[in-house]
Amino acid sequence: MKNNLVAKVLLYAASGCLVLFYLYVIYLGFQPQVSDEYRAYYIEHTISQWPY
């Protein structure tokens, strides 16, 4: 009975860690920290050619 409780707690803790990790990844996706050139070319599409 006690082993079952420990297993459940560990599974909930692992699931909680995964949820926090996924939320962090979503946050990074909405707040990218990239250079101005990358942002202009890939994200905003304000320039038509990659600056060399």
PDB file of N, CA and C in Angstrom:
ATOM      1  N   MET A   1       0.824  -1.194   0.000  1.00  0.00           N
ATOM      2  CA  MET A   1       0.000   0.000   0.000  1.00  0.00           C
ATOM      3  C   MET A   1       0.865   1.253   0.000  1.00  0.00           C
ATOM      4  N   LYS A   2       1.942   1.244   0.801  1.00  0.00           N
ATOM      5  CA  LYS A   2       2.812   2.416   0.865  1.00  0.00           C
ATOM      6  C   LYS A   2       3.591   2.586  -0.442  1.00  0.00           C
ATOM      7  N   ASN A   3       3.977   1.473  -1.076  1.00  0.00           N
ATOM      8  CA  ASN A   3       4.691   1.558  -2.355  1.00  0.00           C
ATOM      9  C   ASN A   3       3.812   2.206  -3.418  1.00  0.00           C
ATOM     10  N   ASN A   4       2.517   1.904  -3.378  1.00  0.00           N
ATOM     11  CA  ASN A   4       1.577   2.482  -4.329  1.00  0.00           C
ATOM     12  C   ASN A   4       1.490   4.001  -4.143  1.00  0.00           C
ATOM     13  N   LEU A   5       1.483   4.459  -2.907  1.00  0.00           N
ATOM     14  CA  LEU A   5       1.419   5.889  -2.617  1.00  0.00           C
ATOM     15  C   LEU A   5       2.693   6.597  -3.089  1.00  0.00           C
ATOM     16  N   VAL A   6       3.840   5.993  -2.843  1.00  0.00           N
ATOM     17  CA  VAL A   6       5.115   6.571  -3.272  1.00  0.00           C
ATOM     18  C   VAL A   6       5.170   6.655  -4.798  1.00  0.00           C
ATOM     19  N   ALA A   7       4.696   5.627  -5.470  1.00  0.00           N
ATOM     20  CA  ALA A   7       4.691   5.620  -6.935  1.00  0.00           C
ATOM     21  C   ALA A   7       3.789   6.736  -7.463  1.00  0.00           C
ATOM     22  N   LYS A   8       2.627   6.915  -6.854  1.00  0.00           N
ATOM     23  CA  LYS A   8       1.720   7.973  -7.294  1.00  0.00           C
ATOM     24  C   LYS A   8       2.339   9.351  -7.090  1.00  0.00           C
ATOM     25  N   VAL A   9       2.974   9.557  -5.951  1.00  0.00           N
ATOM     26  CA  VAL A   9       3.599  10.855  -5.677  1.00  0.00           C
ATOM     27  C   VAL A   9       4.709  11.128  -6.686  1.00  0.00           C
ATOM     28  N   LEU A  10       5.516  10.121  -6.975  1.00  0.00           N
ATOM     29  CA  LEU A  10       6.598  10.305  -7.956  1.00  0.00           C
ATOM     30  C   LEU A  10       6.048  10.590  -9.354  1.00  0.00           C
ATOM     31  N   LEU A  11       4.975   9.928  -9.731  1.00  0.00           N
ATOM     32  CA  LEU A  11       4.379  10.175 -11.044  1.00  0.00           C
ATOM     33  C   LEU A  11       3.778  11.576 -11.130  1.00  0.00           C
ATOM     34  N   TYR A  12       3.117  12.022 -10.066  1.00  0.00           N
ATOM     35  CA  TYR A  12       2.577  13.387 -10.065  1.00  0.00           C
ATOM     36  C   TYR A  12       3.701  14.426 -10.096  1.00  0.00           C
ATOM     37  N   ALA A  13       4.786  14.160  -9.379  1.00  0.00           N
ATOM     38  CA  ALA A  13       5.920  15.090  -9.385  1.00  0.00           C
ATOM     39  C   ALA A  13       6.548  15.161 -10.774  1.00  0.00           C
ATOM     40  N   ALA A  14       6.709  14.012 -11.432  1.00  0.00           N
ATOM     41  CA  ALA A  14       7.274  13.992 -12.782  1.00  0.00           C
ATOM     42  C   ALA A  14       6.350  14.716 -13.761  1.00  0.00           C
ATOM     43  N   SER A  15       5.042  14.495 -13.616  1.00  0.00           N
ATOM     44  CA  SER A  15       4.083  15.177 -14.489  1.00  0.00           C
ATOM     45  C   SER A  15       4.117  16.681 -14.260  1.00  0.00           C
ATOM     46  N   GLY A  16       4.231  17.095 -13.019  1.00  0.00           N
ATOM     47  CA  GLY A  16       4.322  18.523 -12.716  1.00  0.00           C
ATOM     48  C   GLY A  16       5.561  19.154 -13.322  1.00  0.00           C
ATOM     49  N   CYS A  17       6.673  18.437 -13.267  1.00  0.00           N
ATOM     50  CA  CYS A  17       7.910  18.945 -13.874  1.00  0.00           C
ATOM     51  C   CYS A  17       7.753  19.084 -15.384  1.00  0.00           C
ATOM     52  N   LEU A  18       7.115  18.114 -16.010  1.00  0.00           N
ATOM     53  CA  LEU A  18       6.891  18.201 -17.456  1.00  0.00           C
ATOM     54  C   LEU A  18       5.992  19.377 -17.816  1.00  0.00           C
ATOM     55  N   VAL A  19       4.955  19.599 -17.043  1.00  0.00           N
ATOM     56  CA  VAL A  19       4.052  20.718 -17.305  1.00  0.00           C
ATOM     57  C   VAL A  19       4.804  22.040 -17.186  1.00  0.00           C
ATOM     58  N   LEU A  20       5.620  22.181 -16.151  1.00  0.00           N
ATOM     59  CA  LEU A  20       6.407  23.408 -15.982  1.00  0.00           C
ATOM     60  C   LEU A  20       7.381  23.597 -17.143  1.00  0.00           C
ATOM     61  N   PHE A  21       8.018  22.520 -17.575  1.00  0.00           N
ATOM     62  CA  PHE A  21       8.948  22.599 -18.700  1.00  0.00           C
ATOM     63  C   PHE A  21       8.226  23.040 -19.969  1.00  0.00           C
ATOM     64  N   TYR A  22       7.058  22.448 -20.245  1.00  0.00           N
ATOM     65  CA  TYR A  22       6.307  22.812 -21.444  1.00  0.00           C
ATOM     66  C   TYR A  22       5.826  24.259 -21.395  1.00  0.00           C
ATOM     67  N   LEU A  23       5.416  24.729 -20.241  1.00  0.00           N
ATOM     68  CA  LEU A  23       5.022  26.127 -20.102  1.00  0.00           C
ATOM     69  C   LEU A  23       6.194  27.064 -20.357  1.00  0.00           C
ATOM     70  N   TYR A  24       7.378  26.679 -19.897  1.00  0.00           N
ATOM     71  CA  TYR A  24       8.584  27.477 -20.143  1.00  0.00           C
ATOM     72  C   TYR A  24       8.909  27.512 -21.636  1.00  0.00           C
ATOM     73  N   VAL A  25       8.774  26.389 -22.311  1.00  0.00           N
ATOM     74  CA  VAL A  25       9.040  26.335 -23.752  1.00  0.00           C
ATOM     75  C   VAL A  25       8.032  27.201 -24.514  1.00  0.00           C
ATOM     76  N   ILE A  26       6.777  27.181 -24.108  1.00  0.00           N
ATOM     77  CA  ILE A  26       5.766  28.035 -24.739  1.00  0.00           C
ATOM     78  C   ILE A  26       6.110  29.505 -24.510  1.00  0.00           C
ATOM     79  N   TYR A  27       6.534  29.842 -23.307  1.00  0.00           N
ATOM     80  CA  TYR A  27       6.937  31.218 -23.014  1.00  0.00           C
ATOM     81  C   TYR A  27       8.091  31.646 -23.930  1.00  0.00           C
ATOM     82  N   LEU A  28       9.096  30.774 -24.082  1.00  0.00           N
ATOM     83  CA  LEU A  28      10.224  31.100 -24.960  1.00  0.00           C
ATOM     84  C   LEU A  28       9.773  31.271 -26.408  1.00  0.00           C
ATOM     85  N   GLY A  29       8.782  30.514 -26.825  1.00  0.00           N
ATOM     86  CA  GLY A  29       8.264  30.639 -28.180  1.00  0.00           C
ATOM     87  C   GLY A  29       7.584  31.969 -28.425  1.00  0.00           C
ATOM     88  N   PHE A  30       6.925  32.517 -27.418  1.00  0.00           N
ATOM     89  CA  PHE A  30       6.247  33.799 -27.563  1.00  0.00           C
ATOM     90  C   PHE A  30       7.170  34.986 -27.314  1.00  0.00           C
ATOM     91  N   GLN A  31       8.291  34.772 -26.654  1.00  0.00           N
ATOM     92  CA  GLN A  31       9.245  35.840 -26.341  1.00  0.00           C
ATOM     93  C   GLN A  31      10.635  35.482 -26.870  1.00  0.00           C
ATOM     94  N   PRO A  32      10.812  35.339 -28.186  1.00  0.00           N
ATOM     95  CA  PRO A  32      12.120  34.924 -28.700  1.00  0.00           C
ATOM     96  C   PRO A  32      13.175  36.018 -28.500  1.00  0.00           C
ATOM     97  N   GLN A  33      14.356  35.601 -28.126  1.00  0.00           N
ATOM     98  CA  GLN A  33      15.478  36.525 -27.966  1.00  0.00           C
ATOM     99  C   GLN A  33      16.448  36.276 -29.119  1.00  0.00           C
ATOM    100  N   VAL A  34      16.212  36.979 -30.214  1.00  0.00           N
ATOM    101  CA  VAL A  34      16.993  36.792 -31.433  1.00  0.00           C
ATOM    102  C   VAL A  34      17.544  38.129 -31.884  1.00  0.00           C
ATOM    103  N   SER A  35      18.459  38.075 -32.839  1.00  0.00           N
ATOM    104  CA  SER A  35      19.052  39.306 -33.360  1.00  0.00           C
ATOM    105  C   SER A  35      18.026  40.074 -34.188  1.00  0.00           C
ATOM    106  N   ASP A  36      18.327  41.334 -34.431  1.00  0.00           N
ATOM    107  CA  ASP A  36      17.421  42.182 -35.219  1.00  0.00           C
ATOM    108  C   ASP A  36      17.264  41.667 -36.645  1.00  0.00           C
ATOM    109  N   GLU A  37      18.368  41.182 -37.226  1.00  0.00           N
ATOM    110  CA  GLU A  37      18.307  40.661 -38.590  1.00  0.00           C
ATOM    111  C   GLU A  37      17.409  39.432 -38.669  1.00  0.00           C
ATOM    112  N   TYR A  38      17.558  38.508 -37.732  1.00  0.00           N
ATOM    113  CA  TYR A  38      16.731  37.294 -37.699  1.00  0.00           C
ATOM    114  C   TYR A  38      15.263  37.662 -37.539  1.00  0.00           C
ATOM    115  N   ARG A  39      14.982  38.572 -36.623  1.00  0.00           N
ATOM    116  CA  ARG A  39      13.587  38.991 -36.381  1.00  0.00           C
ATOM    117  C   ARG A  39      12.984  39.603 -37.643  1.00  0.00           C
ATOM    118  N   ALA A  40      13.744  40.481 -38.323  1.00  0.00           N
ATOM    119  CA  ALA A  40      13.221  41.155 -39.511  1.00  0.00           C
ATOM    120  C   ALA A  40      12.978  40.167 -40.653  1.00  0.00           C
ATOM    121  N   TYR A  41      13.859  39.186 -40.820  1.00  0.00           N
ATOM    122  CA  TYR A  41      13.740  38.266 -41.957  1.00  0.00           C
ATOM    123  C   TYR A  41      12.747  37.139 -41.695  1.00  0.00           C
ATOM    124  N   TYR A  42      12.857  36.467 -40.559  1.00  0.00           N
ATOM    125  CA  TYR A  42      12.052  35.269 -40.320  1.00  0.00           C
ATOM    126  C   TYR A  42      10.737  35.531 -39.582  1.00  0.00           C
ATOM    127  N   ILE A  43      10.705  36.490 -38.675  1.00  0.00           N
ATOM    128  CA  ILE A  43       9.519  36.675 -37.845  1.00  0.00           C
ATOM    129  C   ILE A  43       8.599  37.738 -38.425  1.00  0.00           C
ATOM    130  N   GLU A  44       9.142  38.913 -38.719  1.00  0.00           N
ATOM    131  CA  GLU A  44       8.307  40.014 -39.186  1.00  0.00           C
ATOM    132  C   GLU A  44       8.198  40.091 -40.705  1.00  0.00           C
ATOM    133  N   HIS A  45       9.096  39.449 -41.442  1.00  0.00           N
ATOM    134  CA  HIS A  45       9.118  39.451 -42.911  1.00  0.00           C
ATOM    135  C   HIS A  45       9.164  40.870 -43.471  1.00  0.00           C
ATOM    136  N   THR A  46       9.965  41.724 -42.858  1.00  0.00           N
ATOM    137  CA  THR A  46      10.058  43.101 -43.321  1.00  0.00           C
ATOM    138  C   THR A  46      11.194  43.310 -44.314  1.00  0.00           C
ATOM    139  N   ILE A  47      12.079  42.352 -44.458  1.00  0.00           N
ATOM    140  CA  ILE A  47      13.126  42.439 -45.475  1.00  0.00           C
ATOM    141  C   ILE A  47      13.029  41.212 -46.364  1.00  0.00           C
ATOM    142  N   SER A  48      13.389  41.356 -47.630  1.00  0.00           N
ATOM    143  CA  SER A  48      13.214  40.261 -48.587  1.00  0.00           C
ATOM    144  C   SER A  48      14.461  39.413 -48.779  1.00  0.00           C
ATOM    145  N   GLN A  49      15.602  39.884 -48.295  1.00  0.00           N
ATOM    146  CA  GLN A  49      16.851  39.136 -48.484  1.00  0.00           C
ATOM    147  C   GLN A  49      17.646  39.189 -47.198  1.00  0.00           C
ATOM    148  N   TRP A  50      18.245  38.063 -46.859  1.00  0.00           N
ATOM    149  CA  TRP A  50      19.052  37.992 -45.633  1.00  0.00           C
ATOM    150  C   TRP A  50      20.240  38.930 -45.745  1.00  0.00           C
ATOM    151  N   PRO A  51      20.470  39.808 -44.755  1.00  0.00           N
ATOM    152  CA  PRO A  51      21.595  40.742 -44.819  1.00  0.00           C
ATOM    153  C   PRO A  51      22.925  40.011 -44.624  1.00  0.00           C
ATOM    154  N   TYR A  52      23.867  40.280 -45.514  1.00  0.00           N
ATOM    155  CA  TYR A  52      25.190  39.630 -45.436  1.00  0.00           C
ATOM    156  C   TYR A  52      26.174  40.480 -44.710  1.00  0.00           C
TER     157      TYR A  52
END
